[in-house]
């Protein structure tokens, strides 16, 4: 599978891929159980992010734009804010995620999402950046933990809040 950098003019298509992938996510469903509202919020977030990337961020996509990965370089500020107007338990979950952030320096996989799970896009994107070490990410899915472990990541920490779990993963 071909992996390349995101090209100018492809930001909205990439935002749609990430929106669709994260709309299915455990944490996203917990944060906002109403799918249409959840999807709209995620689309806005990803559109804004891809329009104003953090300094040094790298955006990789599969050739057909079916999968997207956003990496931040070592030394970047890593902070996952809760959505605007988040319920107190949601804000607490994000506070726990942020408190567990490993110390810099490391490559940070901000987001990895694919239009369809199991089609190989996520694997291709991770293999493309396999030499980026150390690297870290967090996920809200036990299934994703197993996926990332197959790609050299190990669990660094786990946080549980109100029935939702998140894991920080690390690759040396």
Foldseek 3Di string as FASTA:
>chain_A
DAKDFDDPPCQLVLLLQQLLFCLPAPLLCVQPVPSVVSSVQSSVVSSVCSVPPDPPKTWMAHPVRQKIWIKDAFPDDDADQFDPPTDPLSRVVRVVVNVPDDDDGFIETEDIGGNDPPPCGSVVVLVVPLVGPWYKYKGFDPVVQVVVVVSQWHWPDWDDTPHTIMTMITHD
